[in-house]
Amino acid sequence: MNLGLNSENNFENFLDKFITFIMPKSFLESFNDLKTKVNFIKHDPNTIFTAYGHFYNDFFKIWMAEKMKKGKKIIILTHGGQVEIDQTFNIQNNIADKSIYWTRDKSFSDNTKQMPPNFLYTYNLE
């Protein structure tokens, strides 16, 4: 199966032919199962605070998306440095009502705030 993309190079040809094989199962066959299970969760907060679940946990992503559709607020705390921006095309700022970063950059959107790291480094100077 291929998607019929207008491929212009070998990488795009590869993606066109193999993307459905490498895409996580939860985005294909299991999506409806996960969404059904999400609907059984009774917890209905007005604000969702996440630091990393929105990246790797597909169940959490679907639950969070359903809450966002109902107007719930999303606050995302960076997990470390600017990894989230560099590797995810800045999706964090696009989905969050507020994003909290360790650093502040001019390219950040208005919904970002700077705070100190959420852990302390300790050094053994002996």
PDB file of N, CA and C in Angstrom:
ATOM      1  N   MET A   1       0.840  -1.188   0.000  1.00  0.00           N
ATOM      2  CA  MET A   1       0.000   0.000   0.000  1.00  0.00           C
ATOM      3  C   MET A   1       0.877   1.240   0.000  1.00  0.00           C
ATOM      4  N   ASN A   2       0.566   2.204  -0.813  1.00  0.00           N
ATOM      5  CA  ASN A   2       1.249   3.488  -0.743  1.00  0.00           C
ATOM      6  C   ASN A   2       0.201   4.594  -0.733  1.00  0.00           C
ATOM      7  N   LEU A   3       0.636   5.766  -0.345  1.00  0.00           N
ATOM      8  CA  LEU A   3      -0.280   6.890  -0.193  1.00  0.00           C
ATOM      9  C   LEU A   3      -0.472   7.685  -1.476  1.00  0.00           C
ATOM     10  N   GLY A   4       0.365   7.430  -2.465  1.00  0.00           N
ATOM     11  CA  GLY A   4       0.249   8.158  -3.719  1.00  0.00           C
ATOM     12  C   GLY A   4       0.777   9.577  -3.648  1.00  0.00           C
ATOM     13  N   LEU A   5       1.813   9.783  -2.813  1.00  0.00           N
ATOM     14  CA  LEU A   5       2.406  11.110  -2.699  1.00  0.00           C
ATOM     15  C   LEU A   5       3.161  11.464  -3.974  1.00  0.00           C
ATOM     16  N   ASN A   6       3.300  12.724  -4.247  1.00  0.00           N
ATOM     17  CA  ASN A   6       4.124  13.186  -5.363  1.00  0.00           C
ATOM     18  C   ASN A   6       5.570  13.235  -4.892  1.00  0.00           C
ATOM     19  N   SER A   7       6.222  12.092  -4.904  1.00  0.00           N
ATOM     20  CA  SER A   7       7.574  11.978  -4.358  1.00  0.00           C
ATOM     21  C   SER A   7       8.586  12.610  -5.293  1.00  0.00           C
ATOM     22  N   GLU A   8       9.519  13.357  -4.662  1.00  0.00           N
ATOM     23  CA  GLU A   8      10.549  14.024  -5.449  1.00  0.00           C
ATOM     24  C   GLU A   8      11.947  13.501  -5.171  1.00  0.00           C
ATOM     25  N   ASN A   9      12.083  12.596  -4.169  1.00  0.00           N
ATOM     26  CA  ASN A   9      13.394  12.026  -3.871  1.00  0.00           C
ATOM     27  C   ASN A   9      13.211  10.643  -3.250  1.00  0.00           C
ATOM     28  N   ASN A  10      14.325   9.947  -3.026  1.00  0.00           N
ATOM     29  CA  ASN A  10      14.259   8.578  -2.516  1.00  0.00           C
ATOM     30  C   ASN A  10      13.615   8.497  -1.128  1.00  0.00           C
ATOM     31  N   PHE A  11      13.875   9.490  -0.282  1.00  0.00           N
ATOM     32  CA  PHE A  11      13.277   9.465   1.054  1.00  0.00           C
ATOM     33  C   PHE A  11      11.755   9.564   0.971  1.00  0.00           C
ATOM     34  N   GLU A  12      11.250  10.467   0.145  1.00  0.00           N
ATOM     35  CA  GLU A  12       9.808  10.596  -0.014  1.00  0.00           C
ATOM     36  C   GLU A  12       9.210   9.338  -0.629  1.00  0.00           C
ATOM     37  N   ASN A  13       9.926   8.701  -1.547  1.00  0.00           N
ATOM     38  CA  ASN A  13       9.474   7.419  -2.101  1.00  0.00           C
ATOM     39  C   ASN A  13       9.363   6.367  -1.006  1.00  0.00           C
ATOM     40  N   PHE A  14      10.378   6.326  -0.130  1.00  0.00           N
ATOM     41  CA  PHE A  14      10.354   5.388   0.987  1.00  0.00           C
ATOM     42  C   PHE A  14       9.140   5.644   1.870  1.00  0.00           C
ATOM     43  N   LEU A  15       8.920   6.919   2.245  1.00  0.00           N
ATOM     44  CA  LEU A  15       7.784   7.250   3.101  1.00  0.00           C
ATOM     45  C   LEU A  15       6.460   6.867   2.446  1.00  0.00           C
ATOM     46  N   ASP A  16       6.347   7.130   1.168  1.00  0.00           N
ATOM     47  CA  ASP A  16       5.117   6.838   0.459  1.00  0.00           C
ATOM     48  C   ASP A  16       4.772   5.349   0.549  1.00  0.00           C
ATOM     49  N   LYS A  17       5.787   4.506   0.484  1.00  0.00           N
ATOM     50  CA  LYS A  17       5.559   3.056   0.486  1.00  0.00           C
ATOM     51  C   LYS A  17       5.471   2.457   1.882  1.00  0.00           C
ATOM     52  N   PHE A  18       6.185   3.023   2.863  1.00  0.00           N
ATOM     53  CA  PHE A  18       6.321   2.354   4.147  1.00  0.00           C
ATOM     54  C   PHE A  18       5.688   3.068   5.346  1.00  0.00           C
ATOM     55  N   ILE A  19       5.165   4.263   5.160  1.00  0.00           N
ATOM     56  CA  ILE A  19       4.680   5.003   6.326  1.00  0.00           C
ATOM     57  C   ILE A  19       3.554   4.268   7.055  1.00  0.00           C
ATOM     58  N   THR A  20       2.700   3.577   6.322  1.00  0.00           N
ATOM     59  CA  THR A  20       1.621   2.857   7.000  1.00  0.00           C
ATOM     60  C   THR A  20       2.139   1.654   7.782  1.00  0.00           C
ATOM     61  N   PHE A  21       3.327   1.165   7.457  1.00  0.00           N
ATOM     62  CA  PHE A  21       3.918   0.045   8.202  1.00  0.00           C
ATOM     63  C   PHE A  21       4.639   0.514   9.464  1.00  0.00           C
ATOM     64  N   ILE A  22       5.167   1.725   9.443  1.00  0.00           N
ATOM     65  CA  ILE A  22       5.944   2.214  10.590  1.00  0.00           C
ATOM     66  C   ILE A  22       5.138   3.134  11.502  1.00  0.00           C
ATOM     67  N   MET A  23       3.942   3.498  11.085  1.00  0.00           N
ATOM     68  CA  MET A  23       3.089   4.345  11.913  1.00  0.00           C
ATOM     69  C   MET A  23       2.625   3.542  13.126  1.00  0.00           C
ATOM     70  N   PRO A  24       2.612   4.160  14.302  1.00  0.00           N
ATOM     71  CA  PRO A  24       2.160   3.434  15.496  1.00  0.00           C
ATOM     72  C   PRO A  24       0.757   2.857  15.321  1.00  0.00           C
ATOM     73  N   LYS A  25       0.568   1.654  15.813  1.00  0.00           N
ATOM     74  CA  LYS A  25      -0.706   0.958  15.695  1.00  0.00           C
ATOM     75  C   LYS A  25      -1.858   1.791  16.264  1.00  0.00           C
ATOM     76  N   SER A  26      -1.575   2.564  17.304  1.00  0.00           N
ATOM     77  CA  SER A  26      -2.643   3.351  17.937  1.00  0.00           C
ATOM     78  C   SER A  26      -3.213   4.413  17.007  1.00  0.00           C
ATOM     79  N   PHE A  27      -2.478   4.795  15.967  1.00  0.00           N
ATOM     80  CA  PHE A  27      -2.992   5.782  15.020  1.00  0.00           C
ATOM     81  C   PHE A  27      -3.797   5.113  13.905  1.00  0.00           C
ATOM     82  N   LEU A  28      -3.718   3.797  13.834  1.00  0.00           N
ATOM     83  CA  LEU A  28      -4.432   3.063  12.793  1.00  0.00           C
ATOM     84  C   LEU A  28      -5.516   2.184  13.399  1.00  0.00           C
ATOM     85  N   GLU A  29      -5.203   0.895  13.637  1.00  0.00           N
ATOM     86  CA  GLU A  29      -6.217  -0.054  14.075  1.00  0.00           C
ATOM     87  C   GLU A  29      -6.748   0.197  15.472  1.00  0.00           C
ATOM     88  N   SER A  30      -5.922   0.664  16.386  1.00  0.00           N
ATOM     89  CA  SER A  30      -6.320   0.758  17.791  1.00  0.00           C
ATOM     90  C   SER A  30      -6.934   2.095  18.189  1.00  0.00           C
ATOM     91  N   PHE A  31      -7.024   3.037  17.295  1.00  0.00           N
ATOM     92  CA  PHE A  31      -7.497   4.362  17.671  1.00  0.00           C
ATOM     93  C   PHE A  31      -8.893   4.328  18.289  1.00  0.00           C
ATOM     94  N   ASN A  32      -9.826   3.650  17.625  1.00  0.00           N
ATOM     95  CA  ASN A  32     -11.196   3.617  18.147  1.00  0.00           C
ATOM     96  C   ASN A  32     -11.269   2.912  19.498  1.00  0.00           C
ATOM     97  N   ASP A  33     -10.456   1.870  19.692  1.00  0.00           N
ATOM     98  CA  ASP A  33     -10.421   1.187  20.998  1.00  0.00           C
ATOM     99  C   ASP A  33      -9.935   2.143  22.085  1.00  0.00           C
ATOM    100  N   LEU A  34      -8.870   2.870  21.798  1.00  0.00           N
ATOM    101  CA  LEU A  34      -8.346   3.817  22.781  1.00  0.00           C
ATOM    102  C   LEU A  34      -9.361   4.921  23.076  1.00  0.00           C
ATOM    103  N   LYS A  35     -10.000   5.420  22.046  1.00  0.00           N
ATOM    104  CA  LYS A  35     -10.972   6.493  22.240  1.00  0.00           C
ATOM    105  C   LYS A  35     -12.157   6.007  23.071  1.00  0.00           C
ATOM    106  N   THR A  36     -12.590   4.781  22.846  1.00  0.00           N
ATOM    107  CA  THR A  36     -13.672   4.218  23.651  1.00  0.00           C
ATOM    108  C   THR A  36     -13.261   4.117  25.110  1.00  0.00           C
ATOM    109  N   LYS A  37     -12.044   3.664  25.372  1.00  0.00           N
ATOM    110  CA  LYS A  37     -11.561   3.550  26.747  1.00  0.00           C
ATOM    111  C   LYS A  37     -11.427   4.925  27.409  1.00  0.00           C
ATOM    112  N   VAL A  38     -11.011   5.909  26.642  1.00  0.00           N
ATOM    113  CA  VAL A  38     -10.891   7.278  27.163  1.00  0.00           C
ATOM    114  C   VAL A  38     -12.238   7.782  27.664  1.00  0.00           C
ATOM    115  N   ASN A  39     -13.298   7.422  26.973  1.00  0.00           N
ATOM    116  CA  ASN A  39     -14.633   7.894  27.350  1.00  0.00           C
ATOM    117  C   ASN A  39     -15.097   7.343  28.696  1.00  0.00           C
ATOM    118  N   PHE A  40     -14.472   6.279  29.183  1.00  0.00           N
ATOM    119  CA  PHE A  40     -14.843   5.711  30.482  1.00  0.00           C
ATOM    120  C   PHE A  40     -14.171   6.421  31.656  1.00  0.00           C
ATOM    121  N   ILE A  41     -13.205   7.281  31.386  1.00  0.00           N
ATOM    122  CA  ILE A  41     -12.523   7.996  32.462  1.00  0.00           C
ATOM    123  C   ILE A  41     -13.444   9.094  32.983  1.00  0.00           C
ATOM    124  N   LYS A  42     -13.707   9.065  34.259  1.00  0.00           N
ATOM    125  CA  LYS A  42     -14.631  10.027  34.871  1.00  0.00           C
ATOM    126  C   LYS A  42     -13.948  11.334  35.265  1.00  0.00           C
ATOM    127  N   HIS A  43     -12.638  11.313  35.395  1.00  0.00           N
ATOM    128  CA  HIS A  43     -11.889  12.511  35.803  1.00  0.00           C
ATOM    129  C   HIS A  43     -12.044  13.590  34.741  1.00  0.00           C
ATOM    130  N   ASP A  44     -12.516  14.765  35.134  1.00  0.00           N
ATOM    131  CA  ASP A  44     -12.792  15.831  34.176  1.00  0.00           C
ATOM    132  C   ASP A  44     -12.263  17.169  34.697  1.00  0.00           C
ATOM    133  N   PRO A  45     -10.927  17.342  34.699  1.00  0.00           N
ATOM    134  CA  PRO A  45     -10.359  18.582  35.238  1.00  0.00           C
ATOM    135  C   PRO A  45     -10.601  19.764  34.309  1.00  0.00           C
ATOM    136  N   ASN A  46     -10.565  20.945  34.876  1.00  0.00           N
ATOM    137  CA  ASN A  46     -10.659  22.159  34.068  1.00  0.00           C
ATOM    138  C   ASN A  46      -9.327  22.513  33.435  1.00  0.00           C
ATOM    139  N   THR A  47      -8.224  22.093  34.092  1.00  0.00           N
ATOM    140  CA  THR A  47      -6.872  22.360  33.597  1.00  0.00           C
ATOM    141  C   THR A  47      -6.070  21.070  33.641  1.00  0.00           C
ATOM    142  N   ILE A  48      -5.345  20.814  32.573  1.00  0.00           N
ATOM    143  CA  ILE A  48      -4.475  19.637  32.487  1.00  0.00           C
ATOM    144  C   ILE A  48      -3.039  20.138  32.451  1.00  0.00           C
ATOM    145  N   PHE A  49      -2.229  19.621  33.356  1.00  0.00           N
ATOM    146  CA  PHE A  49      -0.823  20.004  33.470  1.00  0.00           C
ATOM    147  C   PHE A  49       0.008  18.781  33.098  1.00  0.00           C
ATOM    148  N   THR A  50       0.862  18.906  32.107  1.00  0.00           N
ATOM    149  CA  THR A  50       1.670  17.775  31.660  1.00  0.00           C
ATOM    150  C   THR A  50       3.106  18.220  31.422  1.00  0.00           C
ATOM    151  N   ALA A  51       4.032  17.302  31.627  1.00  0.00           N
ATOM    152  CA  ALA A  51       5.435  17.592  31.359  1.00  0.00           C
ATOM    153  C   ALA A  51       5.988  16.687  30.263  1.00  0.00           C
ATOM    154  N   TYR A  52       5.386  15.518  30.064  1.00  0.00           N
ATOM    155  CA  TYR A  52       5.938  14.642  29.041  1.00  0.00           C
ATOM    156  C   TYR A  52       4.922  13.665  28.455  1.00  0.00           C
ATOM    157  N   GLY A  53       3.805  13.439  29.120  1.00  0.00           N
ATOM    158  CA  GLY A  53       2.815  12.487  28.633  1.00  0.00           C
ATOM    159  C   GLY A  53       2.273  12.820  27.259  1.00  0.00           C
ATOM    160  N   HIS A  54       2.247  14.088  26.921  1.00  0.00           N
ATOM    161  CA  HIS A  54       1.730  14.519  25.623  1.00  0.00           C
ATOM    162  C   HIS A  54       2.659  14.159  24.471  1.00  0.00           C
ATOM    163  N   PHE A  55       3.858  13.649  24.776  1.00  0.00           N
ATOM    164  CA  PHE A  55       4.781  13.217  23.725  1.00  0.00           C
ATOM    165  C   PHE A  55       4.673  11.727  23.428  1.00  0.00           C
ATOM    166  N   TYR A  56       4.752  10.896  24.442  1.00  0.00           N
ATOM    167  CA  TYR A  56       4.930   9.465  24.200  1.00  0.00           C
ATOM    168  C   TYR A  56       3.711   8.612  24.502  1.00  0.00           C
ATOM    169  N   ASN A  57       2.741   9.090  25.252  1.00  0.00           N
ATOM    170  CA  ASN A  57       1.635   8.271  25.711  1.00  0.00           C
ATOM    171  C   ASN A  57       0.406   8.512  24.831  1.00  0.00           C
ATOM    172  N   ASP A  58       0.143   7.590  23.907  1.00  0.00           N
ATOM    173  CA  ASP A  58      -0.956   7.778  22.965  1.00  0.00           C
ATOM    174  C   ASP A  58      -2.317   7.820  23.655  1.00  0.00           C
ATOM    175  N   PHE A  59      -2.499   7.021  24.702  1.00  0.00           N
ATOM    176  CA  PHE A  59      -3.752   7.043  25.452  1.00  0.00           C
ATOM    177  C   PHE A  59      -3.980   8.430  26.058  1.00  0.00           C
ATOM    178  N   PHE A  60      -2.917   8.976  26.671  1.00  0.00           N
ATOM    179  CA  PHE A  60      -3.011  10.310  27.266  1.00  0.00           C
ATOM    180  C   PHE A  60      -3.277  11.365  26.198  1.00  0.00           C
ATOM    181  N   LYS A  61      -2.623  11.249  25.037  1.00  0.00           N
ATOM    182  CA  LYS A  61      -2.828  12.218  23.956  1.00  0.00           C
ATOM    183  C   LYS A  61      -4.293  12.264  23.532  1.00  0.00           C
ATOM    184  N   ILE A  62      -4.905  11.082  23.395  1.00  0.00           N
ATOM    185  CA  ILE A  62      -6.307  11.033  22.964  1.00  0.00           C
ATOM    186  C   ILE A  62      -7.206  11.603  24.050  1.00  0.00           C
ATOM    187  N   TRP A  63      -6.941  11.239  25.313  1.00  0.00           N
ATOM    188  CA  TRP A  63      -7.717  11.775  26.426  1.00  0.00           C
ATOM    189  C   TRP A  63      -7.604  13.298  26.465  1.00  0.00           C
ATOM    190  N   MET A  64      -6.366  13.809  26.338  1.00  0.00           N
ATOM    191  CA  MET A  64      -6.135  15.243  26.375  1.00  0.00           C
ATOM    192  C   MET A  64      -6.836  15.938  25.201  1.00  0.00           C
ATOM    193  N   ALA A  65      -6.779  15.356  24.021  1.00  0.00           N
ATOM    194  CA  ALA A  65      -7.435  15.946  22.848  1.00  0.00           C
ATOM    195  C   ALA A  65      -8.942  16.030  23.046  1.00  0.00           C
ATOM    196  N   GLU A  66      -9.532  14.999  23.636  1.00  0.00           N
ATOM    197  CA  GLU A  66     -10.972  15.031  23.913  1.00  0.00           C
ATOM    198  C   GLU A  66     -11.312  16.138  24.904  1.00  0.00           C
ATOM    199  N   LYS A  67     -10.459  16.336  25.896  1.00  0.00           N
ATOM    200  CA  LYS A  67     -10.684  17.413  26.875  1.00  0.00           C
ATOM    201  C   LYS A  67     -10.507  18.779  26.224  1.00  0.00           C
ATOM    202  N   MET A  68      -9.524  18.885  25.334  1.00  0.00           N
ATOM    203  CA  MET A  68      -9.306  20.158  24.633  1.00  0.00           C
ATOM    204  C   MET A  68     -10.525  20.526  23.790  1.00  0.00           C
ATOM    205  N   LYS A  69     -11.157  19.533  23.175  1.00  0.00           N
ATOM    206  CA  LYS A  69     -12.355  19.789  22.373  1.00  0.00           C
ATOM    207  C   LYS A  69     -13.484  20.356  23.224  1.00  0.00           C
ATOM    208  N   LYS A  70     -13.457  20.073  24.520  1.00  0.00           N
ATOM    209  CA  LYS A  70     -14.464  20.585  25.449  1.00  0.00           C
ATOM    210  C   LYS A  70     -14.035  21.899  26.099  1.00  0.00           C
ATOM    211  N   GLY A  71     -12.911  22.464  25.639  1.00  0.00           N
ATOM    212  CA  GLY A  71     -12.466  23.765  26.129  1.00  0.00           C
ATOM    213  C   GLY A  71     -11.607  23.729  27.380  1.00  0.00           C
ATOM    214  N   LYS A  72     -11.126  22.557  27.769  1.00  0.00           N
ATOM    215  CA  LYS A  72     -10.261  22.467  28.949  1.00  0.00           C
ATOM    216  C   LYS A  72      -8.909  23.094  28.628  1.00  0.00           C
ATOM    217  N   LYS A  73      -8.258  23.658  29.621  1.00  0.00           N
ATOM    218  CA  LYS A  73      -6.970  24.332  29.439  1.00  0.00           C
ATOM    219  C   LYS A  73      -5.818  23.344  29.577  1.00  0.00           C
ATOM    220  N   ILE A  74      -4.790  23.560  28.775  1.00  0.00           N
ATOM    221  CA  ILE A  74      -3.602  22.698  28.779  1.00  0.00           C
ATOM    222  C   ILE A  74      -2.390  23.554  29.138  1.00  0.00           C
ATOM    223  N   ILE A  75      -1.663  23.120  30.161  1.00  0.00           N
ATOM    224  CA  ILE A  75      -0.398  23.762  30.537  1.00  0.00           C
ATOM    225  C   ILE A  75       0.694  22.716  30.374  1.00  0.00           C
ATOM    226  N   ILE A  76       1.721  23.051  29.599  1.00  0.00           N
ATOM    227  CA  ILE A  76       2.816  22.117  29.340  1.00  0.00           C
ATOM    228  C   ILE A  76       4.112  22.683  29.899  1.00  0.00           C
ATOM    229  N   LEU A  77       4.744  21.905  30.741  1.00  0.00           N
ATOM    230  CA  LEU A  77       6.041  22.244  31.308  1.00  0.00           C
ATOM    231  C   LEU A  77       7.118  21.521  30.508  1.00  0.00           C
ATOM    232  N   THR A  78       8.138  22.240  30.088  1.00  0.00           N
ATOM    233  CA  THR A  78       9.195  21.565  29.335  1.00  0.00           C
ATOM    234  C   THR A  78       9.852  20.503  30.190  1.00  0.00           C
ATOM    235  N   HIS A  79      10.220  19.451  29.521  1.00  0.00           N
ATOM    236  CA  HIS A  79      10.866  18.338  30.211  1.00  0.00           C
ATOM    237  C   HIS A  79      12.358  18.583  30.304  1.00  0.00           C
ATOM    238  N   GLY A  80      12.899  19.323  29.377  1.00  0.00           N
ATOM    239  CA  GLY A  80      14.323  19.609  29.448  1.00  0.00           C
ATOM    240  C   GLY A  80      14.813  20.487  28.318  1.00  0.00           C
ATOM    241  N   GLY A  81      15.364  21.616  28.654  1.00  0.00           N
ATOM    242  CA  GLY A  81      15.961  22.502  27.654  1.00  0.00           C
ATOM    243  C   GLY A  81      14.966  22.876  26.578  1.00  0.00           C
ATOM    244  N   GLN A  82      15.400  22.788  25.334  1.00  0.00           N
ATOM    245  CA  GLN A  82      14.527  23.099  24.205  1.00  0.00           C
ATOM    246  C   GLN A  82      14.322  21.892  23.311  1.00  0.00           C
ATOM    247  N   VAL A  83      14.512  20.710  23.834  1.00  0.00           N
ATOM    248  CA  VAL A  83      14.352  19.494  23.042  1.00  0.00           C
ATOM    249  C   VAL A  83      12.972  19.438  22.406  1.00  0.00           C
ATOM    250  N   GLU A  84      11.960  19.806  23.170  1.00  0.00           N
ATOM    251  CA  GLU A  84      10.606  19.724  22.669  1.00  0.00           C
ATOM    252  C   GLU A  84      10.382  20.604  21.442  1.00  0.00           C
ATOM    253  N   ILE A  85      11.007  21.741  21.396  1.00  0.00           N
ATOM    254  CA  ILE A  85      10.843  22.646  20.262  1.00  0.00           C
ATOM    255  C   ILE A  85      11.610  22.125  19.057  1.00  0.00           C
ATOM    256  N   ASP A  86      12.850  21.738  19.275  1.00  0.00           N
ATOM    257  CA  ASP A  86      13.703  21.344  18.174  1.00  0.00           C
ATOM    258  C   ASP A  86      13.241  20.061  17.485  1.00  0.00           C
ATOM    259  N   GLN A  87      12.665  19.137  18.235  1.00  0.00           N
ATOM    260  CA  GLN A  87      12.324  17.841  17.659  1.00  0.00           C
ATOM    261  C   GLN A  87      10.862  17.697  17.254  1.00  0.00           C
ATOM    262  N   THR A  88      10.017  18.621  17.607  1.00  0.00           N
ATOM    263  CA  THR A  88       8.588  18.445  17.345  1.00  0.00           C
ATOM    264  C   THR A  88       7.952  19.600  16.596  1.00  0.00           C
ATOM    265  N   PHE A  89       8.743  20.392  15.916  1.00  0.00           N
ATOM    266  CA  PHE A  89       8.230  21.485  15.102  1.00  0.00           C
ATOM    267  C   PHE A  89       7.354  22.447  15.910  1.00  0.00           C
ATOM    268  N   ASN A  90       7.718  22.634  17.186  1.00  0.00           N
ATOM    269  CA  ASN A  90       7.061  23.594  18.060  1.00  0.00           C
ATOM    270  C   ASN A  90       5.585  23.272  18.333  1.00  0.00           C
ATOM    271  N   ILE A  91       5.233  22.005  18.253  1.00  0.00           N
ATOM    272  CA  ILE A  91       3.828  21.626  18.480  1.00  0.00           C
ATOM    273  C   ILE A  91       3.372  21.981  19.879  1.00  0.00           C
ATOM    274  N   GLN A  92       4.300  21.956  20.829  1.00  0.00           N
ATOM    275  CA  GLN A  92       3.938  22.255  22.213  1.00  0.00           C
ATOM    276  C   GLN A  92       3.270  23.621  22.326  1.00  0.00           C
ATOM    277  N   ASN A  93       3.843  24.624  21.704  1.00  0.00           N
ATOM    278  CA  ASN A  93       3.265  25.972  21.754  1.00  0.00           C
ATOM    279  C   ASN A  93       1.967  26.064  20.959  1.00  0.00           C
ATOM    280  N   ASN A  94       1.821  25.204  19.971  1.00  0.00           N
ATOM    281  CA  ASN A  94       0.613  25.252  19.150  1.00  0.00           C
ATOM    282  C   ASN A  94      -0.593  24.618  19.834  1.00  0.00           C
ATOM    283  N   ILE A  95      -0.375  23.685  20.762  1.00  0.00           N
ATOM    284  CA  ILE A  95      -1.512  23.024  21.397  1.00  0.00           C
ATOM    285  C   ILE A  95      -1.793  23.519  22.808  1.00  0.00           C
ATOM    286  N   ALA A  96      -0.806  24.109  23.457  1.00  0.00           N
ATOM    287  CA  ALA A  96      -0.971  24.490  24.864  1.00  0.00           C
ATOM    288  C   ALA A  96      -1.575  25.875  25.020  1.00  0.00           C
ATOM    289  N   ASP A  97      -2.345  26.020  26.082  1.00  0.00           N
ATOM    290  CA  ASP A  97      -2.808  27.355  26.448  1.00  0.00           C
ATOM    291  C   ASP A  97      -1.657  28.141  27.066  1.00  0.00           C
ATOM    292  N   LYS A  98      -0.803  27.439  27.805  1.00  0.00           N
ATOM    293  CA  LYS A  98       0.422  28.019  28.372  1.00  0.00           C
ATOM    294  C   LYS A  98       1.526  26.980  28.278  1.00  0.00           C
ATOM    295  N   SER A  99       2.722  27.418  27.930  1.00  0.00           N
ATOM    296  CA  SER A  99       3.907  26.569  27.938  1.00  0.00           C
ATOM    297  C   SER A  99       4.923  27.194  28.875  1.00  0.00           C
ATOM    298  N   ILE A 100       5.546  26.361  29.691  1.00  0.00           N
ATOM    299  CA  ILE A 100       6.526  26.841  30.651  1.00  0.00           C
ATOM    300  C   ILE A 100       7.887  26.277  30.259  1.00  0.00           C
ATOM    301  N   TYR A 101       8.836  27.187  30.029  1.00  0.00           N
ATOM    302  CA  TYR A 101      10.171  26.810  29.586  1.00  0.00           C
ATOM    303  C   TYR A 101      11.218  27.247  30.596  1.00  0.00           C
ATOM    304  N   TRP A 102      12.374  26.619  30.489  1.00  0.00           N
ATOM    305  CA  TRP A 102      13.516  27.019  31.316  1.00  0.00           C
ATOM    306  C   TRP A 102      14.148  28.281  30.754  1.00  0.00           C
ATOM    307  N   THR A 103      14.087  28.411  29.461  1.00  0.00           N
ATOM    308  CA  THR A 103      14.717  29.548  28.781  1.00  0.00           C
ATOM    309  C   THR A 103      13.642  30.327  28.035  1.00  0.00           C
ATOM    310  N   ARG A 104      13.946  31.544  27.707  1.00  0.00           N
ATOM    311  CA  ARG A 104      12.999  32.374  26.952  1.00  0.00           C
ATOM    312  C   ARG A 104      13.694  32.802  25.675  1.00  0.00           C
ATOM    313  N   ASP A 105      13.059  32.603  24.594  1.00  0.00           N
ATOM    314  CA  ASP A 105      13.616  32.906  23.286  1.00  0.00           C
ATOM    315  C   ASP A 105      12.657  33.852  22.580  1.00  0.00           C
ATOM    316  N   LYS A 106      13.177  34.743  21.767  1.00  0.00           N
ATOM    317  CA  LYS A 106      12.326  35.712  21.066  1.00  0.00           C
ATOM    318  C   LYS A 106      11.320  35.032  20.142  1.00  0.00           C
ATOM    319  N   SER A 107      11.653  33.813  19.686  1.00  0.00           N
ATOM    320  CA  SER A 107      10.760  33.129  18.761  1.00  0.00           C
ATOM    321  C   SER A 107       9.584  32.465  19.460  1.00  0.00           C
ATOM    322  N   PHE A 108       9.578  32.428  20.796  1.00  0.00           N
ATOM    323  CA  PHE A 108       8.478  31.813  21.528  1.00  0.00           C
ATOM    324  C   PHE A 108       7.218  32.651  21.365  1.00  0.00           C
ATOM    325  N   SER A 109       6.098  31.998  21.447  1.00  0.00           N
ATOM    326  CA  SER A 109       4.827  32.712  21.322  1.00  0.00           C
ATOM    327  C   SER A 109       4.463  33.392  22.638  1.00  0.00           C
ATOM    328  N   ASP A 110       3.420  34.179  22.599  1.00  0.00           N
ATOM    329  CA  ASP A 110       2.981  34.917  23.788  1.00  0.00           C
ATOM    330  C   ASP A 110       2.472  34.009  24.899  1.00  0.00           C
ATOM    331  N   ASN A 111       2.130  32.770  24.579  1.00  0.00           N
ATOM    332  CA  ASN A 111       1.593  31.884  25.605  1.00  0.00           C
ATOM    333  C   ASN A 111       2.686  31.160  26.389  1.00  0.00           C
ATOM    334  N   THR A 112       3.940  31.568  26.228  1.00  0.00           N
ATOM    335  CA  THR A 112       5.040  30.917  26.946  1.00  0.00           C
ATOM    336  C   THR A 112       5.500  31.760  28.128  1.00  0.00           C
ATOM    337  N   LYS A 113       5.927  31.080  29.148  1.00  0.00           N
ATOM    338  CA  LYS A 113       6.471  31.718  30.341  1.00  0.00           C
ATOM    339  C   LYS A 113       7.795  31.054  30.685  1.00  0.00           C
ATOM    340  N   GLN A 114       8.694  31.813  31.278  1.00  0.00           N
ATOM    341  CA  GLN A 114       9.981  31.270  31.702  1.00  0.00           C
ATOM    342  C   GLN A 114       9.954  31.040  33.206  1.00  0.00           C
ATOM    343  N   MET A 115      10.447  29.878  33.609  1.00  0.00           N
ATOM    344  CA  MET A 115      10.602  29.552  35.019  1.00  0.00           C
ATOM    345  C   MET A 115      11.909  28.790  35.187  1.00  0.00           C
ATOM    346  N   PRO A 116      12.427  28.706  36.386  1.00  0.00           N
ATOM    347  CA  PRO A 116      13.654  27.925  36.597  1.00  0.00           C
ATOM    348  C   PRO A 116      13.386  26.444  36.363  1.00  0.00           C
ATOM    349  N   PRO A 117      14.430  25.650  36.144  1.00  0.00           N
ATOM    350  CA  PRO A 117      14.254  24.205  35.952  1.00  0.00           C
ATOM    351  C   PRO A 117      13.472  23.593  37.111  1.00  0.00           C
ATOM    352  N   ASN A 118      12.733  22.521  36.805  1.00  0.00           N
ATOM    353  CA  ASN A 118      11.915  21.895  37.834  1.00  0.00           C
ATOM    354  C   ASN A 118      12.679  20.836  38.628  1.00  0.00           C
ATOM    355  N   PHE A 119      13.987  20.873  38.576  1.00  0.00           N
ATOM    356  CA  PHE A 119      14.827  20.016  39.414  1.00  0.00           C
ATOM    357  C   PHE A 119      16.145  20.731  39.651  1.00  0.00           C
ATOM    358  N   LEU A 120      16.891  20.291  40.622  1.00  0.00           N
ATOM    359  CA  LEU A 120      18.175  20.911  40.938  1.00  0.00           C
ATOM    360  C   LEU A 120      19.321  19.973  40.583  1.00  0.00           C
ATOM    361  N   TYR A 121      20.328  20.522  39.979  1.00  0.00           N
ATOM    362  CA  TYR A 121      21.554  19.767  39.757  1.00  0.00           C
ATOM    363  C   TYR A 121      22.387  19.802  41.029  1.00  0.00           C
ATOM    364  N   THR A 122      22.985  18.711  41.369  1.00  0.00           N
ATOM    365  CA  THR A 122      23.919  18.689  42.489  1.00  0.00           C
ATOM    366  C   THR A 122      25.243  18.173  41.980  1.00  0.00           C
ATOM    367  N   TYR A 123      26.288  18.742  42.466  1.00  0.00           N
ATOM    368  CA  TYR A 123      27.615  18.374  42.007  1.00  0.00           C
ATOM    369  C   TYR A 123      28.441  17.892  43.194  1.00  0.00           C
ATOM    370  N   ASN A 124      29.172  16.852  42.975  1.00  0.00           N
ATOM    371  CA  ASN A 124      30.101  16.363  43.988  1.00  0.00           C
ATOM    372  C   ASN A 124      31.462  16.998  43.680  1.00  0.00           C
ATOM    373  N   LEU A 125      31.882  17.934  44.497  1.00  0.00           N
ATOM    374  CA  LEU A 125      33.112  18.681  44.235  1.00  0.00           C
ATOM    375  C   LEU A 125      34.328  18.059  44.934  1.00  0.00           C
ATOM    376  N   GLU A 126      34.142  16.891  45.477  1.00  0.00           N
ATOM    377  CA  GLU A 126      35.262  16.246  46.183  1.00  0.00           C
ATOM    378  C   GLU A 126      36.275  15.679  45.226  1.00  0.00           C
TER     379      GLU A 126
END
